[in-house]
Amino acid sequence: MTTIKVNERTKTGKAFMAMFEAFFKGVDGIEIIETDSEKITKEENLYSPSFVAKIKKAEEDIKNGKTTTLDPNDIWGSLGLK
């Protein structure tokens, strides 16, 4: 048995799955087994825990209204540093 891991969220992964299904759908001896993509092991996690913590804190701050809106035409003024 051979296992092929395909990330179906990428352009290449989508193309591979479309080609695979077109050529091999219903063929004896070949089976597509889908796994839960939400289960990510520590080895597969690309982000450091400190980065994830910062992102989660930023999301919480946005939910609680603790954000600063920047005016792209006057960044220093919108930060109160003018």
PDB file of N, CA and C in Angstrom:
ATOM      1  N   MET A   1       0.843  -1.173   0.000  1.00  0.00           N
ATOM      2  CA  MET A   1       0.000   0.000   0.000  1.00  0.00           C
ATOM      3  C   MET A   1       0.894   1.244   0.000  1.00  0.00           C
ATOM      4  N   THR A   2       0.509   2.245  -0.766  1.00  0.00           N
ATOM      5  CA  THR A   2       1.218   3.511  -0.847  1.00  0.00           C
ATOM      6  C   THR A   2       0.266   4.622  -0.427  1.00  0.00           C
ATOM      7  N   THR A   3       0.779   5.588   0.324  1.00  0.00           N
ATOM      8  CA  THR A   3      -0.028   6.720   0.754  1.00  0.00           C
ATOM      9  C   THR A   3       0.480   7.969   0.063  1.00  0.00           C
ATOM     10  N   ILE A   4      -0.431   8.754  -0.475  1.00  0.00           N
ATOM     11  CA  ILE A   4      -0.089  10.033  -1.090  1.00  0.00           C
ATOM     12  C   ILE A   4      -0.843  11.101  -0.318  1.00  0.00           C
ATOM     13  N   LYS A   5      -0.119  12.062   0.220  1.00  0.00           N
ATOM     14  CA  LYS A   5      -0.732  13.150   0.978  1.00  0.00           C
ATOM     15  C   LYS A   5      -0.909  14.341   0.042  1.00  0.00           C
ATOM     16  N   VAL A   6      -2.156  14.791  -0.122  1.00  0.00           N
ATOM     17  CA  VAL A   6      -2.469  15.889  -1.036  1.00  0.00           C
ATOM     18  C   VAL A   6      -3.146  17.003  -0.256  1.00  0.00           C
ATOM     19  N   ASN A   7      -2.619  18.210  -0.355  1.00  0.00           N
ATOM     20  CA  ASN A   7      -3.257  19.367   0.258  1.00  0.00           C
ATOM     21  C   ASN A   7      -4.251  19.924  -0.761  1.00  0.00           C
ATOM     22  N   GLU A   8      -5.528  19.637  -0.556  1.00  0.00           N
ATOM     23  CA  GLU A   8      -6.555  20.032  -1.517  1.00  0.00           C
ATOM     24  C   GLU A   8      -6.860  21.527  -1.484  1.00  0.00           C
ATOM     25  N   ARG A   9      -6.233  22.273  -0.576  1.00  0.00           N
ATOM     26  CA  ARG A   9      -6.450  23.718  -0.533  1.00  0.00           C
ATOM     27  C   ARG A   9      -5.531  24.453  -1.496  1.00  0.00           C
ATOM     28  N   THR A  10      -4.513  23.767  -2.015  1.00  0.00           N
ATOM     29  CA  THR A  10      -3.592  24.413  -2.947  1.00  0.00           C
ATOM     30  C   THR A  10      -4.050  24.192  -4.388  1.00  0.00           C
ATOM     31  N   LYS A  11      -3.567  25.041  -5.278  1.00  0.00           N
ATOM     32  CA  LYS A  11      -3.911  24.927  -6.696  1.00  0.00           C
ATOM     33  C   LYS A  11      -3.440  23.583  -7.259  1.00  0.00           C
ATOM     34  N   THR A  12      -2.233  23.178  -6.896  1.00  0.00           N
ATOM     35  CA  THR A  12      -1.688  21.913  -7.370  1.00  0.00           C
ATOM     36  C   THR A  12      -2.465  20.732  -6.814  1.00  0.00           C
ATOM     37  N   GLY A  13      -2.815  20.814  -5.536  1.00  0.00           N
ATOM     38  CA  GLY A  13      -3.582  19.734  -4.915  1.00  0.00           C
ATOM     39  C   GLY A  13      -4.948  19.569  -5.552  1.00  0.00           C
ATOM     40  N   LYS A  14      -5.612  20.683  -5.835  1.00  0.00           N
ATOM     41  CA  LYS A  14      -6.930  20.629  -6.492  1.00  0.00           C
ATOM     42  C   LYS A  14      -6.806  20.011  -7.888  1.00  0.00           C
ATOM     43  N   ALA A  15      -5.774  20.426  -8.616  1.00  0.00           N
ATOM     44  CA  ALA A  15      -5.572  19.898  -9.971  1.00  0.00           C
ATOM     45  C   ALA A  15      -5.276  18.401  -9.924  1.00  0.00           C
ATOM     46  N   PHE A  16      -4.443  17.982  -8.967  1.00  0.00           N
ATOM     47  CA  PHE A  16      -4.120  16.567  -8.840  1.00  0.00           C
ATOM     48  C   PHE A  16      -5.369  15.746  -8.553  1.00  0.00           C
ATOM     49  N   MET A  17      -6.196  16.211  -7.605  1.00  0.00           N
ATOM     50  CA  MET A  17      -7.401  15.463  -7.239  1.00  0.00           C
ATOM     51  C   MET A  17      -8.379  15.402  -8.411  1.00  0.00           C
ATOM     52  N   ALA A  18      -8.505  16.478  -9.167  1.00  0.00           N
ATOM     53  CA  ALA A  18      -9.399  16.475 -10.332  1.00  0.00           C
ATOM     54  C   ALA A  18      -8.913  15.471 -11.370  1.00  0.00           C
ATOM     55  N   MET A  19      -7.606  15.459 -11.627  1.00  0.00           N
ATOM     56  CA  MET A  19      -7.041  14.514 -12.591  1.00  0.00           C
ATOM     57  C   MET A  19      -7.198  13.077 -12.085  1.00  0.00           C
ATOM     58  N   PHE A  20      -6.893  12.863 -10.811  1.00  0.00           N
ATOM     59  CA  PHE A  20      -6.976  11.530 -10.230  1.00  0.00           C
ATOM     60  C   PHE A  20      -8.400  10.983 -10.324  1.00  0.00           C
ATOM     61  N   GLU A  21      -9.376  11.802  -9.939  1.00  0.00           N
ATOM     62  CA  GLU A  21     -10.769  11.352  -9.978  1.00  0.00           C
ATOM     63  C   GLU A  21     -11.231  11.089 -11.406  1.00  0.00           C
ATOM     64  N   ALA A  22     -10.757  11.900 -12.348  1.00  0.00           N
ATOM     65  CA  ALA A  22     -11.162  11.717 -13.745  1.00  0.00           C
ATOM     66  C   ALA A  22     -10.622  10.403 -14.312  1.00  0.00           C
ATOM     67  N   PHE A  23      -9.384  10.050 -13.969  1.00  0.00           N
ATOM     68  CA  PHE A  23      -8.769   8.853 -14.537  1.00  0.00           C
ATOM     69  C   PHE A  23      -9.057   7.568 -13.766  1.00  0.00           C
ATOM     70  N   PHE A  24      -9.207   7.662 -12.451  1.00  0.00           N
ATOM     71  CA  PHE A  24      -9.242   6.440 -11.641  1.00  0.00           C
ATOM     72  C   PHE A  24     -10.531   6.209 -10.870  1.00  0.00           C
ATOM     73  N   LYS A  25     -11.564   7.003 -11.082  1.00  0.00           N
ATOM     74  CA  LYS A  25     -12.812   6.817 -10.354  1.00  0.00           C
ATOM     75  C   LYS A  25     -13.442   5.485 -10.773  1.00  0.00           C
ATOM     76  N   GLY A  26     -13.732   4.652  -9.788  1.00  0.00           N
ATOM     77  CA  GLY A  26     -14.376   3.378 -10.056  1.00  0.00           C
ATOM     78  C   GLY A  26     -13.443   2.260 -10.469  1.00  0.00           C
ATOM     79  N   VAL A  27     -12.136   2.493 -10.466  1.00  0.00           N
ATOM     80  CA  VAL A  27     -11.174   1.469 -10.849  1.00  0.00           C
ATOM     81  C   VAL A  27     -10.917   0.566  -9.648  1.00  0.00           C
ATOM     82  N   ASP A  28     -10.965  -0.742  -9.847  1.00  0.00           N
ATOM     83  CA  ASP A  28     -10.689  -1.685  -8.767  1.00  0.00           C
ATOM     84  C   ASP A  28      -9.237  -1.569  -8.314  1.00  0.00           C
ATOM     85  N   GLY A  29      -9.039  -1.604  -7.002  1.00  0.00           N
ATOM     86  CA  GLY A  29      -7.689  -1.572  -6.448  1.00  0.00           C
ATOM     87  C   GLY A  29      -7.205  -0.186  -6.086  1.00  0.00           C
ATOM     88  N   ILE A  30      -7.960   0.849  -6.434  1.00  0.00           N
ATOM     89  CA  ILE A  30      -7.582   2.226  -6.092  1.00  0.00           C
ATOM     90  C   ILE A  30      -8.738   2.848  -5.327  1.00  0.00           C
ATOM     91  N   GLU A  31      -8.423   3.393  -4.170  1.00  0.00           N
ATOM     92  CA  GLU A  31      -9.457   3.956  -3.306  1.00  0.00           C
ATOM     93  C   GLU A  31      -8.980   5.284  -2.734  1.00  0.00           C
ATOM     94  N   ILE A  32      -9.857   6.273  -2.691  1.00  0.00           N
ATOM     95  CA  ILE A  32      -9.551   7.560  -2.077  1.00  0.00           C
ATOM     96  C   ILE A  32     -10.072   7.510  -0.645  1.00  0.00           C
ATOM     97  N   ILE A  33      -9.188   7.719   0.306  1.00  0.00           N
ATOM     98  CA  ILE A  33      -9.569   7.744   1.713  1.00  0.00           C
ATOM     99  C   ILE A  33      -9.316   9.153   2.211  1.00  0.00           C
ATOM    100  N   GLU A  34     -10.376   9.835   2.618  1.00  0.00           N
ATOM    101  CA  GLU A  34     -10.234  11.200   3.112  1.00  0.00           C
ATOM    102  C   GLU A  34     -10.021  11.174   4.619  1.00  0.00           C
ATOM    103  N   THR A  35      -9.135  12.041   5.093  1.00  0.00           N
ATOM    104  CA  THR A  35      -8.875  12.156   6.521  1.00  0.00           C
ATOM    105  C   THR A  35      -9.312  13.527   6.996  1.00  0.00           C
ATOM    106  N   ASP A  36      -9.423  13.681   8.301  1.00  0.00           N
ATOM    107  CA  ASP A  36      -9.845  14.946   8.894  1.00  0.00           C
ATOM    108  C   ASP A  36      -8.713  15.955   8.773  1.00  0.00           C
ATOM    109  N   SER A  37      -8.901  16.996   7.972  1.00  0.00           N
ATOM    110  CA  SER A  37      -7.841  17.987   7.752  1.00  0.00           C
ATOM    111  C   SER A  37      -7.663  18.907   8.951  1.00  0.00           C
ATOM    112  N   GLU A  38      -8.592  18.883   9.925  1.00  0.00           N
ATOM    113  CA  GLU A  38      -8.478  19.739  11.099  1.00  0.00           C
ATOM    114  C   GLU A  38      -7.454  19.201  12.098  1.00  0.00           C
ATOM    115  N   LYS A  39      -7.115  17.928  11.996  1.00  0.00           N
ATOM    116  CA  LYS A  39      -6.156  17.332  12.915  1.00  0.00           C
ATOM    117  C   LYS A  39      -4.748  17.623  12.416  1.00  0.00           C
ATOM    118  N   ILE A  40      -4.084  18.571  13.046  1.00  0.00           N
ATOM    119  CA  ILE A  40      -2.730  18.944  12.656  1.00  0.00           C
ATOM    120  C   ILE A  40      -1.806  18.576  13.809  1.00  0.00           C
ATOM    121  N   THR A  41      -0.815  17.771  13.520  1.00  0.00           N
ATOM    122  CA  THR A  41       0.134  17.382  14.557  1.00  0.00           C
ATOM    123  C   THR A  41       1.151  18.489  14.761  1.00  0.00           C
ATOM    124  N   LYS A  42       1.905  18.405  15.855  1.00  0.00           N
ATOM    125  CA  LYS A  42       2.908  19.422  16.136  1.00  0.00           C
ATOM    126  C   LYS A  42       3.946  19.498  15.025  1.00  0.00           C
ATOM    127  N   GLU A  43       4.289  18.358  14.420  1.00  0.00           N
ATOM    128  CA  GLU A  43       5.283  18.357  13.355  1.00  0.00           C
ATOM    129  C   GLU A  43       4.782  19.111  12.128  1.00  0.00           C
ATOM    130  N   GLU A  44       3.469  19.106  11.890  1.00  0.00           N
ATOM    131  CA  GLU A  44       2.907  19.761  10.716  1.00  0.00           C
ATOM    132  C   GLU A  44       2.607  21.242  10.952  1.00  0.00           C
ATOM    133  N   ASN A  45       2.557  21.675  12.214  1.00  0.00           N
ATOM    134  CA  ASN A  45       2.234  23.056  12.526  1.00  0.00           C
ATOM    135  C   ASN A  45       3.430  23.942  12.174  1.00  0.00           C
ATOM    136  N   LEU A  46       3.209  24.882  11.267  1.00  0.00           N
ATOM    137  CA  LEU A  46       4.293  25.726  10.773  1.00  0.00           C
ATOM    138  C   LEU A  46       4.525  26.969  11.629  1.00  0.00           C
ATOM    139  N   TYR A  47       3.602  27.276  12.542  1.00  0.00           N
ATOM    140  CA  TYR A  47       3.671  28.523  13.286  1.00  0.00           C
ATOM    141  C   TYR A  47       4.164  28.286  14.707  1.00  0.00           C
ATOM    142  N   SER A  48       4.995  29.200  15.195  1.00  0.00           N
ATOM    143  CA  SER A  48       5.505  29.077  16.556  1.00  0.00           C
ATOM    144  C   SER A  48       4.383  29.405  17.542  1.00  0.00           C
ATOM    145  N   PRO A  49       4.420  28.817  18.730  1.00  0.00           N
ATOM    146  CA  PRO A  49       3.379  29.077  19.731  1.00  0.00           C
ATOM    147  C   PRO A  49       3.261  30.554  20.109  1.00  0.00           C
ATOM    148  N   SER A  50       4.385  31.288  20.143  1.00  0.00           N
ATOM    149  CA  SER A  50       4.315  32.711  20.500  1.00  0.00           C
ATOM    150  C   SER A  50       3.584  33.510  19.416  1.00  0.00           C
ATOM    151  N   PHE A  51       3.796  33.154  18.143  1.00  0.00           N
ATOM    152  CA  PHE A  51       3.098  33.830  17.049  1.00  0.00           C
ATOM    153  C   PHE A  51       1.596  33.551  17.118  1.00  0.00           C
ATOM    154  N   VAL A  52       1.232  32.299  17.369  1.00  0.00           N
ATOM    155  CA  VAL A  52      -0.177  31.926  17.479  1.00  0.00           C
ATOM    156  C   VAL A  52      -0.824  32.683  18.624  1.00  0.00           C
ATOM    157  N   ALA A  53      -0.116  32.811  19.759  1.00  0.00           N
ATOM    158  CA  ALA A  53      -0.652  33.537  20.914  1.00  0.00           C
ATOM    159  C   ALA A  53      -0.898  35.007  20.567  1.00  0.00           C
ATOM    160  N   LYS A  54       0.040  35.632  19.822  1.00  0.00           N
ATOM    161  CA  LYS A  54      -0.128  37.031  19.424  1.00  0.00           C
ATOM    162  C   LYS A  54      -1.347  37.213  18.516  1.00  0.00           C
ATOM    163  N   ILE A  55      -1.536  36.292  17.586  1.00  0.00           N
ATOM    164  CA  ILE A  55      -2.670  36.372  16.671  1.00  0.00           C
ATOM    165  C   ILE A  55      -3.980  36.212  17.433  1.00  0.00           C
ATOM    166  N   LYS A  56      -4.026  35.246  18.349  1.00  0.00           N
ATOM    167  CA  LYS A  56      -5.243  35.038  19.136  1.00  0.00           C
ATOM    168  C   LYS A  56      -5.554  36.248  20.013  1.00  0.00           C
ATOM    169  N   LYS A  57      -4.506  36.879  20.586  1.00  0.00           N
ATOM    170  CA  LYS A  57      -4.716  38.077  21.396  1.00  0.00           C
ATOM    171  C   LYS A  57      -5.250  39.217  20.524  1.00  0.00           C
ATOM    172  N   ALA A  58      -4.705  39.361  19.321  1.00  0.00           N
ATOM    173  CA  ALA A  58      -5.175  40.402  18.407  1.00  0.00           C
ATOM    174  C   ALA A  58      -6.640  40.170  18.032  1.00  0.00           C
ATOM    175  N   GLU A  59      -7.017  38.919  17.782  1.00  0.00           N
ATOM    176  CA  GLU A  59      -8.418  38.609  17.467  1.00  0.00           C
ATOM    177  C   GLU A  59      -9.323  38.961  18.634  1.00  0.00           C
ATOM    178  N   GLU A  60      -8.882  38.656  19.856  1.00  0.00           N
ATOM    179  CA  GLU A  60      -9.669  38.970  21.050  1.00  0.00           C
ATOM    180  C   GLU A  60      -9.800  40.485  21.222  1.00  0.00           C
ATOM    181  N   ASP A  61      -8.710  41.222  20.986  1.00  0.00           N
ATOM    182  CA  ASP A  61      -8.752  42.685  21.081  1.00  0.00           C
ATOM    183  C   ASP A  61      -9.738  43.271  20.067  1.00  0.00           C
ATOM    184  N   ILE A  62      -9.768  42.715  18.869  1.00  0.00           N
ATOM    185  CA  ILE A  62     -10.700  43.198  17.840  1.00  0.00           C
ATOM    186  C   ILE A  62     -12.140  42.953  18.288  1.00  0.00           C
ATOM    187  N   LYS A  63     -12.405  41.766  18.835  1.00  0.00           N
ATOM    188  CA  LYS A  63     -13.759  41.458  19.323  1.00  0.00           C
ATOM    189  C   LYS A  63     -14.188  42.402  20.434  1.00  0.00           C
ATOM    190  N   ASN A  64     -13.226  42.804  21.295  1.00  0.00           N
ATOM    191  CA  ASN A  64     -13.537  43.675  22.428  1.00  0.00           C
ATOM    192  C   ASN A  64     -13.455  45.155  22.086  1.00  0.00           C
ATOM    193  N   GLY A  65     -13.183  45.478  20.836  1.00  0.00           N
ATOM    194  CA  GLY A  65     -13.139  46.874  20.407  1.00  0.00           C
ATOM    195  C   GLY A  65     -11.866  47.601  20.807  1.00  0.00           C
ATOM    196  N   LYS A  66     -10.826  46.884  21.156  1.00  0.00           N
ATOM    197  CA  LYS A  66      -9.561  47.497  21.559  1.00  0.00           C
ATOM    198  C   LYS A  66      -8.644  47.615  20.346  1.00  0.00           C
ATOM    199  N   THR A  67      -9.055  48.395  19.372  1.00  0.00           N
ATOM    200  CA  THR A  67      -8.252  48.550  18.166  1.00  0.00           C
ATOM    201  C   THR A  67      -8.027  50.024  17.868  1.00  0.00           C
ATOM    202  N   THR A  68      -7.051  50.304  17.061  1.00  0.00           N
ATOM    203  CA  THR A  68      -6.769  51.658  16.612  1.00  0.00           C
ATOM    204  C   THR A  68      -6.963  51.689  15.098  1.00  0.00           C
ATOM    205  N   THR A  69      -7.782  52.623  14.643  1.00  0.00           N
ATOM    206  CA  THR A  69      -8.000  52.767  13.211  1.00  0.00           C
ATOM    207  C   THR A  69      -6.999  53.777  12.672  1.00  0.00           C
ATOM    208  N   LEU A  70      -6.269  53.371  11.669  1.00  0.00           N
ATOM    209  CA  LEU A  70      -5.264  54.248  11.081  1.00  0.00           C
ATOM    210  C   LEU A  70      -5.793  54.895   9.815  1.00  0.00           C
ATOM    211  N   ASP A  71      -5.529  56.184   9.694  1.00  0.00           N
ATOM    212  CA  ASP A  71      -5.841  56.913   8.473  1.00  0.00           C
ATOM    213  C   ASP A  71      -4.599  56.839   7.588  1.00  0.00           C
ATOM    214  N   PRO A  72      -4.682  56.185   6.437  1.00  0.00           N
ATOM    215  CA  PRO A  72      -3.489  56.028   5.604  1.00  0.00           C
ATOM    216  C   PRO A  72      -2.906  57.358   5.127  1.00  0.00           C
ATOM    217  N   ASN A  73      -3.702  58.411   5.139  1.00  0.00           N
ATOM    218  CA  ASN A  73      -3.213  59.724   4.714  1.00  0.00           C
ATOM    219  C   ASN A  73      -2.541  60.479   5.858  1.00  0.00           C
ATOM    220  N   ASP A  74      -2.764  60.039   7.107  1.00  0.00           N
ATOM    221  CA  ASP A  74      -2.180  60.713   8.270  1.00  0.00           C
ATOM    222  C   ASP A  74      -1.917  59.683   9.372  1.00  0.00           C
ATOM    223  N   ILE A  75      -0.976  58.800   9.147  1.00  0.00           N
ATOM    224  CA  ILE A  75      -0.697  57.716  10.108  1.00  0.00           C
ATOM    225  C   ILE A  75      -0.252  58.269  11.444  1.00  0.00           C
ATOM    226  N   TRP A  76       0.693  59.209  11.451  1.00  0.00           N
ATOM    227  CA  TRP A  76       1.185  59.743  12.723  1.00  0.00           C
ATOM    228  C   TRP A  76       0.084  60.454  13.484  1.00  0.00           C
ATOM    229  N   GLY A  77      -0.756  61.156  12.776  1.00  0.00           N
ATOM    230  CA  GLY A  77      -1.866  61.867  13.441  1.00  0.00           C
ATOM    231  C   GLY A  77      -2.877  60.893  14.027  1.00  0.00           C
ATOM    232  N   SER A  78      -3.162  59.807  13.306  1.00  0.00           N
ATOM    233  CA  SER A  78      -4.146  58.849  13.820  1.00  0.00           C
ATOM    234  C   SER A  78      -3.607  58.069  15.016  1.00  0.00           C
ATOM    235  N   LEU A  79      -2.267  58.048  15.190  1.00  0.00           N
ATOM    236  CA  LEU A  79      -1.667  57.418  16.360  1.00  0.00           C
ATOM    237  C   LEU A  79      -1.503  58.406  17.515  1.00  0.00           C
ATOM    238  N   GLY A  80      -1.812  59.682  17.269  1.00  0.00           N
ATOM    239  CA  GLY A  80      -1.669  60.707  18.297  1.00  0.00           C
ATOM    240  C   GLY A  80      -0.229  61.123  18.524  1.00  0.00           C
ATOM    241  N   LEU A  81       0.601  60.942  17.521  1.00  0.00           N
ATOM    242  CA  LEU A  81       2.021  61.261  17.661  1.00  0.00           C
ATOM    243  C   LEU A  81       2.438  62.498  16.867  1.00  0.00           C
ATOM    244  N   LYS A  82       1.486  63.303  16.485  1.00  0.00           N
ATOM    245  CA  LYS A  82       1.784  64.471  15.682  1.00  0.00           C
ATOM    246  C   LYS A  82       1.914  65.688  16.548  1.00  0.00           C
TER     247      LYS A  82
END
